[in-house]
């Protein structure tokens, strides 16, 4: 290859890298007042006081107990229909549980879901995967509460079990929907690796697998990632709140949003990733390791993730 062509390719790569970094780096202000310090504290509790949370173990159950206590203190309750704890059989028939906190339970109109799995792989405290996302979801629960008159629809906050060995929590939730409920699901926002890690190259991204085009659900592919309603509204919120964007969209599964895609429901996974020197988007190096601990994280990124989700919810069901 001639030197001029090499130079042009290097220039194009650096321009792409700059665009992605400008789109994805974490600004500091939080328009809705989400508390990064509280997100950090909840992440630390899950990682330090409970530790690794493999499917079907006492530690996974203990995490669910703690989450239920936090949500009850926020006013969510089984008596009002705003809180449900649902056991299900996972891999090897190990029992796990989904915890569902609902804002505006029973409301007419669309259903929107925001979700994060609270289990982890064995031996890893799972700060990025996925305690920080669970902490962001708790912060969203504090912001939304059990009722919001300014939001026209049901918002379900799904604390899912048994993701690491096959998305069993998401599968149990979708299988439990009636056909009418499934059709009311307008968009699903999945969080994983949702608090940024410090370091050069950290970017906020969306992962999708398909979306509705011309009234029918269609699948994307690696060459043509498909933005959908969930990813578009997340990106619009990011641009509106922070003046940056759009968020880069990649054809990416490997989390609970896969199950919603298979059910024909538009879903996006919002996560912090890294742009490496070869222009590849990668997971943090601590992924699934004992070194996935809170001390190595920047929790302002978690507040940014939560703000994007609030903005998307307001755009879809706000008055």
C-alpha atoms as a PDB file:
ATOM      1  CA  UNK A   1       0.000   0.000   0.000  1.00  0.00           C
ATOM      2  CA  UNK A   2       1.334   3.438  -0.893  1.00  0.00           C
ATOM      3  CA  UNK A   3       2.353   5.800   1.904  1.00  0.00           C
ATOM      4  CA  UNK A   4      -0.349   8.308   0.938  1.00  0.00           C
ATOM      5  CA  UNK A   5      -3.059   5.665   1.313  1.00  0.00           C
ATOM      6  CA  UNK A   6      -1.646   4.600   4.691  1.00  0.00           C
ATOM      7  CA  UNK A   7      -1.641   8.191   5.892  1.00  0.00           C
ATOM      8  CA  UNK A   8      -5.247   8.670   4.779  1.00  0.00           C
ATOM      9  CA  UNK A   9      -6.369   5.498   6.621  1.00  0.00           C
ATOM     10  CA  UNK A  10      -4.611   6.644   9.779  1.00  0.00           C
ATOM     11  CA  UNK A  11      -6.302  10.043   9.491  1.00  0.00           C
ATOM     12  CA  UNK A  12      -9.736   8.475   9.022  1.00  0.00           C
ATOM     13  CA  UNK A  13      -9.182   6.186  12.019  1.00  0.00           C
ATOM     14  CA  UNK A  14      -8.195   9.087  14.268  1.00  0.00           C
ATOM     15  CA  UNK A  15     -11.180  11.112  13.082  1.00  0.00           C
ATOM     16  CA  UNK A  16     -13.499   8.183  13.913  1.00  0.00           C
ATOM     17  CA  UNK A  17     -11.908   7.719  17.313  1.00  0.00           C
ATOM     18  CA  UNK A  18     -12.296  11.432  18.079  1.00  0.00           C
ATOM     19  CA  UNK A  19     -15.973  11.393  17.055  1.00  0.00           C
ATOM     20  CA  UNK A  20     -16.702   8.377  19.262  1.00  0.00           C
ATOM     21  CA  UNK A  21     -14.893   9.847  22.236  1.00  0.00           C
ATOM     22  CA  UNK A  22     -16.673  13.176  21.908  1.00  0.00           C
ATOM     23  CA  UNK A  23     -19.984  11.312  21.734  1.00  0.00           C
ATOM     24  CA  UNK A  24     -19.334   9.013  24.625  1.00  0.00           C
ATOM     25  CA  UNK A  25     -17.133  10.630  27.271  1.00  0.00           C
ATOM     26  CA  UNK A  26     -18.794  11.336  30.595  1.00  0.00           C
ATOM     27  CA  UNK A  27     -19.894  14.898  31.395  1.00  0.00           C
ATOM     28  CA  UNK A  28     -20.462  15.716  35.041  1.00  0.00           C
ATOM     29  CA  UNK A  29     -23.767  17.556  35.447  1.00  0.00           C
ATOM     30  CA  UNK A  30     -26.891  15.580  36.320  1.00  0.00           C
ATOM     31  CA  UNK A  31     -30.027  17.415  35.105  1.00  0.00           C
ATOM     32  CA  UNK A  32     -32.429  15.368  37.258  1.00  0.00           C
ATOM     33  CA  UNK A  33     -30.176  15.290  40.286  1.00  0.00           C
ATOM     34  CA  UNK A  34     -29.157  11.640  40.212  1.00  0.00           C
ATOM     35  CA  UNK A  35     -26.597  11.073  42.955  1.00  0.00           C
ATOM     36  CA  UNK A  36     -23.316   9.485  41.824  1.00  0.00           C
ATOM     37  CA  UNK A  37     -22.200   9.110  45.463  1.00  0.00           C
ATOM     38  CA  UNK A  38     -25.310   7.086  46.267  1.00  0.00           C
ATOM     39  CA  UNK A  39     -24.794   4.952  43.148  1.00  0.00           C
ATOM     40  CA  UNK A  40     -21.258   4.296  44.398  1.00  0.00           C
ATOM     41  CA  UNK A  41     -22.439   3.420  47.917  1.00  0.00           C
ATOM     42  CA  UNK A  42     -25.025   0.925  46.637  1.00  0.00           C
ATOM     43  CA  UNK A  43     -22.459  -0.646  44.307  1.00  0.00           C
ATOM     44  CA  UNK A  44     -20.025  -0.994  47.193  1.00  0.00           C
ATOM     45  CA  UNK A  45     -22.650  -2.637  49.389  1.00  0.00           C
ATOM     46  CA  UNK A  46     -23.457  -5.269  46.776  1.00  0.00           C
ATOM     47  CA  UNK A  47     -19.788  -5.971  46.097  1.00  0.00           C
ATOM     48  CA  UNK A  48     -18.362  -5.826  49.620  1.00  0.00           C
ATOM     49  CA  UNK A  49     -21.151  -6.814  51.994  1.00  0.00           C
ATOM     50  CA  UNK A  50     -22.673  -9.509  49.767  1.00  0.00           C
ATOM     51  CA  UNK A  51     -19.888 -10.293  47.301  1.00  0.00           C
ATOM     52  CA  UNK A  52     -20.199 -12.550  44.286  1.00  0.00           C
ATOM     53  CA  UNK A  53     -23.801 -13.482  43.518  1.00  0.00           C
ATOM     54  CA  UNK A  54     -23.977 -16.645  41.370  1.00  0.00           C
ATOM     55  CA  UNK A  55     -27.372 -17.930  40.279  1.00  0.00           C
ATOM     56  CA  UNK A  56     -29.299 -19.997  42.801  1.00  0.00           C
ATOM     57  CA  UNK A  57     -27.001 -19.233  45.732  1.00  0.00           C
ATOM     58  CA  UNK A  58     -27.707 -17.733  49.136  1.00  0.00           C
ATOM     59  CA  UNK A  59     -25.771 -14.645  48.082  1.00  0.00           C
ATOM     60  CA  UNK A  60     -28.002 -14.051  45.071  1.00  0.00           C
ATOM     61  CA  UNK A  61     -31.021 -14.407  47.364  1.00  0.00           C
ATOM     62  CA  UNK A  62     -29.419 -12.062  49.896  1.00  0.00           C
ATOM     63  CA  UNK A  63     -28.960  -9.444  47.168  1.00  0.00           C
ATOM     64  CA  UNK A  64     -32.642  -9.761  46.283  1.00  0.00           C
ATOM     65  CA  UNK A  65     -33.572  -9.390  49.978  1.00  0.00           C
ATOM     66  CA  UNK A  66     -31.522  -6.206  50.227  1.00  0.00           C
ATOM     67  CA  UNK A  67     -32.961  -4.764  47.019  1.00  0.00           C
ATOM     68  CA  UNK A  68     -36.504  -5.497  48.187  1.00  0.00           C
ATOM     69  CA  UNK A  69     -35.789  -3.681  51.463  1.00  0.00           C
ATOM     70  CA  UNK A  70     -34.472  -0.613  49.623  1.00  0.00           C
ATOM     71  CA  UNK A  71     -37.500  -0.497  47.319  1.00  0.00           C
ATOM     72  CA  UNK A  72     -39.940  -0.956  50.204  1.00  0.00           C
ATOM     73  CA  UNK A  73     -38.362   2.005  51.966  1.00  0.00           C
ATOM     74  CA  UNK A  74     -38.976   4.055  48.798  1.00  0.00           C
ATOM     75  CA  UNK A  75     -42.701   3.282  48.985  1.00  0.00           C
ATOM     76  CA  UNK A  76     -42.977   0.368  46.557  1.00  0.00           C
ATOM     77  CA  UNK A  77     -45.293  -2.307  47.936  1.00  0.00           C
ATOM     78  CA  UNK A  78     -46.884  -5.606  46.980  1.00  0.00           C
ATOM     79  CA  UNK A  79     -50.125  -4.346  48.540  1.00  0.00           C
ATOM     80  CA  UNK A  80     -50.396  -1.547  45.955  1.00  0.00           C
ATOM     81  CA  UNK A  81     -49.182  -3.689  43.062  1.00  0.00           C
ATOM     82  CA  UNK A  82     -45.998  -1.661  42.713  1.00  0.00           C
ATOM     83  CA  UNK A  83     -43.628  -4.410  43.902  1.00  0.00           C
ATOM     84  CA  UNK A  84     -43.468  -8.101  43.043  1.00  0.00           C
ATOM     85  CA  UNK A  85     -40.912 -10.792  43.809  1.00  0.00           C
ATOM     86  CA  UNK A  86     -41.199 -13.654  41.345  1.00  0.00           C
ATOM     87  CA  UNK A  87     -39.224 -16.930  41.669  1.00  0.00           C
ATOM     88  CA  UNK A  88     -38.402 -18.983  38.594  1.00  0.00           C
ATOM     89  CA  UNK A  89     -36.276 -22.031  37.689  1.00  0.00           C
ATOM     90  CA  UNK A  90     -32.990 -21.235  35.991  1.00  0.00           C
ATOM     91  CA  UNK A  91     -30.129 -23.362  34.761  1.00  0.00           C
ATOM     92  CA  UNK A  92     -30.144 -26.869  36.279  1.00  0.00           C
ATOM     93  CA  UNK A  93     -33.484 -25.912  37.886  1.00  0.00           C
ATOM     94  CA  UNK A  94     -31.719 -23.622  40.345  1.00  0.00           C
ATOM     95  CA  UNK A  95     -34.235 -21.170  41.746  1.00  0.00           C
ATOM     96  CA  UNK A  96     -33.623 -17.498  41.136  1.00  0.00           C
ATOM     97  CA  UNK A  97     -35.890 -14.459  41.485  1.00  0.00           C
ATOM     98  CA  UNK A  98     -36.956 -11.354  39.612  1.00  0.00           C
ATOM     99  CA  UNK A  99     -37.845  -8.247  41.584  1.00  0.00           C
ATOM    100  CA  UNK A 100     -40.204  -5.905  39.714  1.00  0.00           C
ATOM    101  CA  UNK A 101     -40.846  -2.357  40.943  1.00  0.00           C
ATOM    102  CA  UNK A 102     -43.540  -0.543  38.970  1.00  0.00           C
ATOM    103  CA  UNK A 103     -44.159   3.173  38.656  1.00  0.00           C
ATOM    104  CA  UNK A 104     -47.857   3.819  37.888  1.00  0.00           C
ATOM    105  CA  UNK A 105     -48.991   0.185  38.250  1.00  0.00           C
ATOM    106  CA  UNK A 106     -52.150  -0.543  36.291  1.00  0.00           C
ATOM    107  CA  UNK A 107     -51.921   2.638  34.233  1.00  0.00           C
ATOM    108  CA  UNK A 108     -53.319   2.541  30.730  1.00  0.00           C
ATOM    109  CA  UNK A 109     -51.070   3.170  27.767  1.00  0.00           C
ATOM    110  CA  UNK A 110     -47.631   1.820  26.954  1.00  0.00           C
ATOM    111  CA  UNK A 111     -45.343  -0.228  29.173  1.00  0.00           C
ATOM    112  CA  UNK A 112     -41.684   0.744  29.345  1.00  0.00           C
ATOM    113  CA  UNK A 113     -39.040  -1.400  31.052  1.00  0.00           C
ATOM    114  CA  UNK A 114     -35.688  -0.476  32.533  1.00  0.00           C
ATOM    115  CA  UNK A 115     -33.655  -3.451  33.697  1.00  0.00           C
ATOM    116  CA  UNK A 116     -30.397  -4.665  35.178  1.00  0.00           C
ATOM    117  CA  UNK A 117     -29.376  -8.125  36.369  1.00  0.00           C
ATOM    118  CA  UNK A 118     -28.120  -8.420  39.935  1.00  0.00           C
ATOM    119  CA  UNK A 119     -26.354 -11.795  39.759  1.00  0.00           C
ATOM    120  CA  UNK A 120     -22.635 -12.116  38.991  1.00  0.00           C
ATOM    121  CA  UNK A 121     -20.246 -14.823  37.906  1.00  0.00           C
ATOM    122  CA  UNK A 122     -18.708 -16.916  40.653  1.00  0.00           C
ATOM    123  CA  UNK A 123     -15.580 -15.380  42.145  1.00  0.00           C
ATOM    124  CA  UNK A 124     -16.205 -11.850  40.878  1.00  0.00           C
ATOM    125  CA  UNK A 125     -17.818  -9.086  42.968  1.00  0.00           C
ATOM    126  CA  UNK A 126     -19.167  -7.823  39.653  1.00  0.00           C
ATOM    127  CA  UNK A 127     -18.937  -4.062  40.145  1.00  0.00           C
ATOM    128  CA  UNK A 128     -19.295  -3.340  36.435  1.00  0.00           C
ATOM    129  CA  UNK A 129     -21.147  -6.561  35.682  1.00  0.00           C
ATOM    130  CA  UNK A 130     -23.500  -5.683  37.069  1.00  0.00           C
ATOM    131  CA  UNK A 131     -23.738  -4.111  40.524  1.00  0.00           C
ATOM    132  CA  UNK A 132     -23.246  -0.551  39.256  1.00  0.00           C
ATOM    133  CA  UNK A 133     -26.165  -0.958  36.828  1.00  0.00           C
ATOM    134  CA  UNK A 134     -28.330  -2.255  39.682  1.00  0.00           C
ATOM    135  CA  UNK A 135     -27.298   0.794  41.712  1.00  0.00           C
ATOM    136  CA  UNK A 136     -28.300   3.079  38.835  1.00  0.00           C
ATOM    137  CA  UNK A 137     -31.652   1.266  38.671  1.00  0.00           C
ATOM    138  CA  UNK A 138     -32.147   1.878  42.413  1.00  0.00           C
ATOM    139  CA  UNK A 139     -31.415   5.560  41.853  1.00  0.00           C
ATOM    140  CA  UNK A 140     -34.008   5.631  39.074  1.00  0.00           C
ATOM    141  CA  UNK A 141     -36.494   3.997  41.471  1.00  0.00           C
ATOM    142  CA  UNK A 142     -35.846   6.775  43.990  1.00  0.00           C
ATOM    143  CA  UNK A 143     -36.421   9.401  41.314  1.00  0.00           C
ATOM    144  CA  UNK A 144     -39.583   7.844  39.857  1.00  0.00           C
ATOM    145  CA  UNK A 145     -41.249   6.415  42.967  1.00  0.00           C
ATOM    146  CA  UNK A 146     -44.389   4.276  42.796  1.00  0.00           C
ATOM    147  CA  UNK A 147     -46.448   6.992  41.037  1.00  0.00           C
ATOM    148  CA  UNK A 148     -45.726   9.832  38.614  1.00  0.00           C
ATOM    149  CA  UNK A 149     -48.647  11.799  37.163  1.00  0.00           C
ATOM    150  CA  UNK A 150     -46.391  13.442  34.592  1.00  0.00           C
ATOM    151  CA  UNK A 151     -45.623  10.064  32.976  1.00  0.00           C
ATOM    152  CA  UNK A 152     -48.482   8.460  31.042  1.00  0.00           C
ATOM    153  CA  UNK A 153     -47.874   4.749  31.208  1.00  0.00           C
ATOM    154  CA  UNK A 154     -46.455   1.927  33.307  1.00  0.00           C
ATOM    155  CA  UNK A 155     -42.714   1.959  33.951  1.00  0.00           C
ATOM    156  CA  UNK A 156     -41.393  -1.367  35.158  1.00  0.00           C
ATOM    157  CA  UNK A 157     -37.989  -1.506  36.826  1.00  0.00           C
ATOM    158  CA  UNK A 158     -36.757  -5.082  36.435  1.00  0.00           C
ATOM    159  CA  UNK A 159     -34.094  -6.337  38.841  1.00  0.00           C
ATOM    160  CA  UNK A 160     -33.372  -9.633  37.098  1.00  0.00           C
ATOM    161  CA  UNK A 161     -31.722 -12.780  38.395  1.00  0.00           C
ATOM    162  CA  UNK A 162     -29.840 -15.482  36.522  1.00  0.00           C
ATOM    163  CA  UNK A 163     -28.469 -13.514  33.584  1.00  0.00           C
ATOM    164  CA  UNK A 164     -24.953 -14.869  33.610  1.00  0.00           C
ATOM    165  CA  UNK A 165     -25.893 -18.425  32.679  1.00  0.00           C
ATOM    166  CA  UNK A 166     -28.490 -17.838  29.983  1.00  0.00           C
ATOM    167  CA  UNK A 167     -30.757 -14.763  30.469  1.00  0.00           C
ATOM    168  CA  UNK A 168     -33.182 -16.857  32.525  1.00  0.00           C
ATOM    169  CA  UNK A 169     -34.597 -13.889  34.455  1.00  0.00           C
ATOM    170  CA  UNK A 170     -35.466 -12.012  31.282  1.00  0.00           C
ATOM    171  CA  UNK A 171     -36.930 -15.196  29.782  1.00  0.00           C
ATOM    172  CA  UNK A 172     -39.119 -15.763  32.847  1.00  0.00           C
ATOM    173  CA  UNK A 173     -40.384 -12.181  32.688  1.00  0.00           C
ATOM    174  CA  UNK A 174     -41.255 -12.327  28.972  1.00  0.00           C
ATOM    175  CA  UNK A 175     -42.859 -15.771  29.263  1.00  0.00           C
ATOM    176  CA  UNK A 176     -45.065 -14.407  32.050  1.00  0.00           C
ATOM    177  CA  UNK A 177     -46.539 -11.673  29.835  1.00  0.00           C
ATOM    178  CA  UNK A 178     -49.957 -11.981  28.310  1.00  0.00           C
ATOM    179  CA  UNK A 179     -50.173 -11.259  24.590  1.00  0.00           C
ATOM    180  CA  UNK A 180     -51.897  -7.956  25.355  1.00  0.00           C
ATOM    181  CA  UNK A 181     -49.111  -6.989  27.775  1.00  0.00           C
ATOM    182  CA  UNK A 182     -46.416  -7.926  25.286  1.00  0.00           C
ATOM    183  CA  UNK A 183     -47.982  -5.699  22.646  1.00  0.00           C
ATOM    184  CA  UNK A 184     -48.070  -2.782  25.107  1.00  0.00           C
ATOM    185  CA  UNK A 185     -44.278  -2.940  25.617  1.00  0.00           C
ATOM    186  CA  UNK A 186     -43.067   0.101  23.742  1.00  0.00           C
ATOM    187  CA  UNK A 187     -39.338   0.049  24.561  1.00  0.00           C
ATOM    188  CA  UNK A 188     -36.899  -1.687  26.905  1.00  0.00           C
ATOM    189  CA  UNK A 189     -33.697  -0.179  28.278  1.00  0.00           C
ATOM    190  CA  UNK A 190     -31.116  -2.694  29.504  1.00  0.00           C
ATOM    191  CA  UNK A 191     -28.133  -1.636  31.612  1.00  0.00           C
ATOM    192  CA  UNK A 192     -24.825  -3.468  31.837  1.00  0.00           C
ATOM    193  CA  UNK A 193     -21.362  -2.017  32.565  1.00  0.00           C
ATOM    194  CA  UNK A 194     -23.328   1.157  33.200  1.00  0.00           C
ATOM    195  CA  UNK A 195     -20.865   3.153  35.284  1.00  0.00           C
ATOM    196  CA  UNK A 196     -17.789   4.397  33.464  1.00  0.00           C
ATOM    197  CA  UNK A 197     -14.283   3.235  34.209  1.00  0.00           C
ATOM    198  CA  UNK A 198     -11.603   5.926  34.349  1.00  0.00           C
ATOM    199  CA  UNK A 199      -9.122   5.963  31.542  1.00  0.00           C
ATOM    200  CA  UNK A 200      -8.598   7.009  28.002  1.00  0.00           C
ATOM    201  CA  UNK A 201     -11.070   5.667  25.479  1.00  0.00           C
ATOM    202  CA  UNK A 202     -14.169   5.194  27.684  1.00  0.00           C
ATOM    203  CA  UNK A 203     -17.341   5.765  25.647  1.00  0.00           C
ATOM    204  CA  UNK A 204     -21.067   5.356  26.218  1.00  0.00           C
ATOM    205  CA  UNK A 205     -22.687   3.086  23.613  1.00  0.00           C
ATOM    206  CA  UNK A 206     -25.951   1.400  22.660  1.00  0.00           C
ATOM    207  CA  UNK A 207     -26.262  -2.218  21.576  1.00  0.00           C
ATOM    208  CA  UNK A 208     -29.288  -3.309  19.533  1.00  0.00           C
ATOM    209  CA  UNK A 209     -30.327  -6.382  17.574  1.00  0.00           C
ATOM    210  CA  UNK A 210     -33.360  -5.127  15.682  1.00  0.00           C
ATOM    211  CA  UNK A 211     -36.270  -2.732  15.557  1.00  0.00           C
ATOM    212  CA  UNK A 212     -39.539  -1.808  13.916  1.00  0.00           C
ATOM    213  CA  UNK A 213     -39.339  -0.583  10.332  1.00  0.00           C
ATOM    214  CA  UNK A 214     -42.446   0.081   8.238  1.00  0.00           C
ATOM    215  CA  UNK A 215     -44.597  -1.432  10.952  1.00  0.00           C
ATOM    216  CA  UNK A 216     -42.774  -4.762  11.213  1.00  0.00           C
ATOM    217  CA  UNK A 217     -39.953  -5.927  13.467  1.00  0.00           C
ATOM    218  CA  UNK A 218     -36.739  -6.481  11.538  1.00  0.00           C
ATOM    219  CA  UNK A 219     -33.322  -7.760  12.557  1.00  0.00           C
ATOM    220  CA  UNK A 220     -30.119  -5.818  12.066  1.00  0.00           C
ATOM    221  CA  UNK A 221     -26.649  -7.230  11.485  1.00  0.00           C
ATOM    222  CA  UNK A 222     -23.006  -6.469  12.170  1.00  0.00           C
ATOM    223  CA  UNK A 223     -22.585  -4.529   8.934  1.00  0.00           C
ATOM    224  CA  UNK A 224     -25.747  -2.487   9.421  1.00  0.00           C
ATOM    225  CA  UNK A 225     -26.538  -2.017  13.125  1.00  0.00           C
ATOM    226  CA  UNK A 226     -30.160  -0.996  13.500  1.00  0.00           C
ATOM    227  CA  UNK A 227     -31.088   1.949  15.713  1.00  0.00           C
ATOM    228  CA  UNK A 228     -34.521   1.446  17.259  1.00  0.00           C
ATOM    229  CA  UNK A 229     -36.909   3.438  19.422  1.00  0.00           C
ATOM    230  CA  UNK A 230     -34.963   2.646  22.595  1.00  0.00           C
ATOM    231  CA  UNK A 231     -31.539   3.595  21.214  1.00  0.00           C
ATOM    232  CA  UNK A 232     -32.828   6.704  19.417  1.00  0.00           C
ATOM    233  CA  UNK A 233     -34.499   8.143  22.507  1.00  0.00           C
ATOM    234  CA  UNK A 234     -31.422   7.408  24.636  1.00  0.00           C
ATOM    235  CA  UNK A 235     -29.249   9.218  22.108  1.00  0.00           C
ATOM    236  CA  UNK A 236     -31.628  12.163  21.884  1.00  0.00           C
ATOM    237  CA  UNK A 237     -31.629  12.491  25.675  1.00  0.00           C
ATOM    238  CA  UNK A 238     -27.834  12.416  25.746  1.00  0.00           C
ATOM    239  CA  UNK A 239     -27.639  15.154  23.130  1.00  0.00           C
ATOM    240  CA  UNK A 240     -30.314  17.263  24.862  1.00  0.00           C
ATOM    241  CA  UNK A 241     -28.841  16.990  28.366  1.00  0.00           C
ATOM    242  CA  UNK A 242     -25.147  17.127  27.564  1.00  0.00           C
ATOM    243  CA  UNK A 243     -24.801  18.649  24.098  1.00  0.00           C
ATOM    244  CA  UNK A 244     -22.948  15.604  22.812  1.00  0.00           C
ATOM    245  CA  UNK A 245     -23.860  12.678  20.651  1.00  0.00           C
ATOM    246  CA  UNK A 246     -25.303  10.845  18.986  1.00  0.00           C
ATOM    247  CA  UNK A 247     -24.492   7.705  20.947  1.00  0.00           C
ATOM    248  CA  UNK A 248     -22.804   5.101  18.733  1.00  0.00           C
ATOM    249  CA  UNK A 249     -25.001   2.071  18.021  1.00  0.00           C
ATOM    250  CA  UNK A 250     -23.569  -1.428  17.554  1.00  0.00           C
ATOM    251  CA  UNK A 251     -25.169  -4.759  16.687  1.00  0.00           C
ATOM    252  CA  UNK A 252     -24.576  -6.436  20.024  1.00  0.00           C
ATOM    253  CA  UNK A 253     -26.321  -9.030  22.184  1.00  0.00           C
ATOM    254  CA  UNK A 254     -24.763 -10.829  25.169  1.00  0.00           C
ATOM    255  CA  UNK A 255     -27.264  -9.551  27.730  1.00  0.00           C
ATOM    256  CA  UNK A 256     -30.924  -9.661  28.741  1.00  0.00           C
ATOM    257  CA  UNK A 257     -32.132  -7.454  25.869  1.00  0.00           C
ATOM    258  CA  UNK A 258     -31.626 -10.496  23.596  1.00  0.00           C
ATOM    259  CA  UNK A 259     -34.812 -12.054  25.024  1.00  0.00           C
ATOM    260  CA  UNK A 260     -36.897  -8.979  24.254  1.00  0.00           C
ATOM    261  CA  UNK A 261     -35.474  -8.890  20.733  1.00  0.00           C
ATOM    262  CA  UNK A 262     -36.572 -12.495  20.259  1.00  0.00           C
ATOM    263  CA  UNK A 263     -40.071 -11.466  21.386  1.00  0.00           C
ATOM    264  CA  UNK A 264     -40.178  -8.648  18.819  1.00  0.00           C
ATOM    265  CA  UNK A 265     -39.915  -5.876  21.437  1.00  0.00           C
ATOM    266  CA  UNK A 266     -37.589  -2.960  20.726  1.00  0.00           C
ATOM    267  CA  UNK A 267     -34.726  -2.972  23.236  1.00  0.00           C
ATOM    268  CA  UNK A 268     -31.295  -1.425  23.617  1.00  0.00           C
ATOM    269  CA  UNK A 269     -28.390  -2.190  25.924  1.00  0.00           C
ATOM    270  CA  UNK A 270     -26.725   1.004  27.174  1.00  0.00           C
ATOM    271  CA  UNK A 271     -23.198   0.449  28.463  1.00  0.00           C
ATOM    272  CA  UNK A 272     -19.795   2.011  28.882  1.00  0.00           C
ATOM    273  CA  UNK A 273     -17.172   0.427  26.644  1.00  0.00           C
ATOM    274  CA  UNK A 274     -13.643   1.217  25.526  1.00  0.00           C
ATOM    275  CA  UNK A 275     -12.260   2.229  22.148  1.00  0.00           C
ATOM    276  CA  UNK A 276      -8.873   0.531  21.840  1.00  0.00           C
ATOM    277  CA  UNK A 277      -5.899   1.521  19.672  1.00  0.00           C
ATOM    278  CA  UNK A 278      -7.150  -0.672  16.822  1.00  0.00           C
ATOM    279  CA  UNK A 279     -10.517   1.053  16.731  1.00  0.00           C
ATOM    280  CA  UNK A 280     -12.337  -1.880  18.360  1.00  0.00           C
ATOM    281  CA  UNK A 281     -15.022  -1.463  21.019  1.00  0.00           C
ATOM    282  CA  UNK A 282     -14.171  -3.691  23.985  1.00  0.00           C
ATOM    283  CA  UNK A 283     -15.457  -4.522  27.459  1.00  0.00           C
ATOM    284  CA  UNK A 284     -13.460  -3.309  30.471  1.00  0.00           C
ATOM    285  CA  UNK A 285     -10.408  -5.498  31.196  1.00  0.00           C
ATOM    286  CA  UNK A 286     -11.800  -6.430  34.636  1.00  0.00           C
ATOM    287  CA  UNK A 287     -14.900  -8.046  33.102  1.00  0.00           C
ATOM    288  CA  UNK A 288     -15.829 -11.299  34.949  1.00  0.00           C
ATOM    289  CA  UNK A 289     -12.657 -11.182  37.064  1.00  0.00           C
ATOM    290  CA  UNK A 290     -12.008 -10.824  40.827  1.00  0.00           C
ATOM    291  CA  UNK A 291     -10.562  -7.403  39.989  1.00  0.00           C
ATOM    292  CA  UNK A 292     -14.016  -6.072  38.983  1.00  0.00           C
ATOM    293  CA  UNK A 293     -14.234  -3.924  42.118  1.00  0.00           C
ATOM    294  CA  UNK A 294     -15.745  -0.489  42.847  1.00  0.00           C
ATOM    295  CA  UNK A 295     -12.384   1.154  43.583  1.00  0.00           C
ATOM    296  CA  UNK A 296     -11.503   1.201  39.881  1.00  0.00           C
ATOM    297  CA  UNK A 297     -14.680   2.973  38.704  1.00  0.00           C
ATOM    298  CA  UNK A 298     -15.944   6.469  37.915  1.00  0.00           C
ATOM    299  CA  UNK A 299     -19.533   6.637  39.161  1.00  0.00           C
ATOM    300  CA  UNK A 300     -20.348   9.932  37.481  1.00  0.00           C
ATOM    301  CA  UNK A 301     -20.743   7.745  34.397  1.00  0.00           C
ATOM    302  CA  UNK A 302     -23.538   5.858  36.148  1.00  0.00           C
ATOM    303  CA  UNK A 303     -25.420   9.105  36.724  1.00  0.00           C
ATOM    304  CA  UNK A 304     -25.022   9.917  33.013  1.00  0.00           C
ATOM    305  CA  UNK A 305     -26.514   6.540  32.081  1.00  0.00           C
ATOM    306  CA  UNK A 306     -29.464   7.126  34.393  1.00  0.00           C
ATOM    307  CA  UNK A 307     -30.045  10.621  33.023  1.00  0.00           C
ATOM    308  CA  UNK A 308     -30.200   9.276  29.485  1.00  0.00           C
ATOM    309  CA  UNK A 309     -32.835   6.774  30.557  1.00  0.00           C
ATOM    310  CA  UNK A 310     -34.942   9.389  32.349  1.00  0.00           C
ATOM    311  CA  UNK A 311     -34.790  11.611  29.281  1.00  0.00           C
ATOM    312  CA  UNK A 312     -35.875   8.717  27.070  1.00  0.00           C
ATOM    313  CA  UNK A 313     -38.789   7.874  29.394  1.00  0.00           C
ATOM    314  CA  UNK A 314     -39.941  11.492  29.429  1.00  0.00           C
ATOM    315  CA  UNK A 315     -39.759  11.673  25.643  1.00  0.00           C
ATOM    316  CA  UNK A 316     -41.898   8.554  25.239  1.00  0.00           C
ATOM    317  CA  UNK A 317     -44.541   8.938  27.955  1.00  0.00           C
ATOM    318  CA  UNK A 318     -44.148  12.449  29.338  1.00  0.00           C
ATOM    319  CA  UNK A 319     -47.030  14.905  29.202  1.00  0.00           C
END
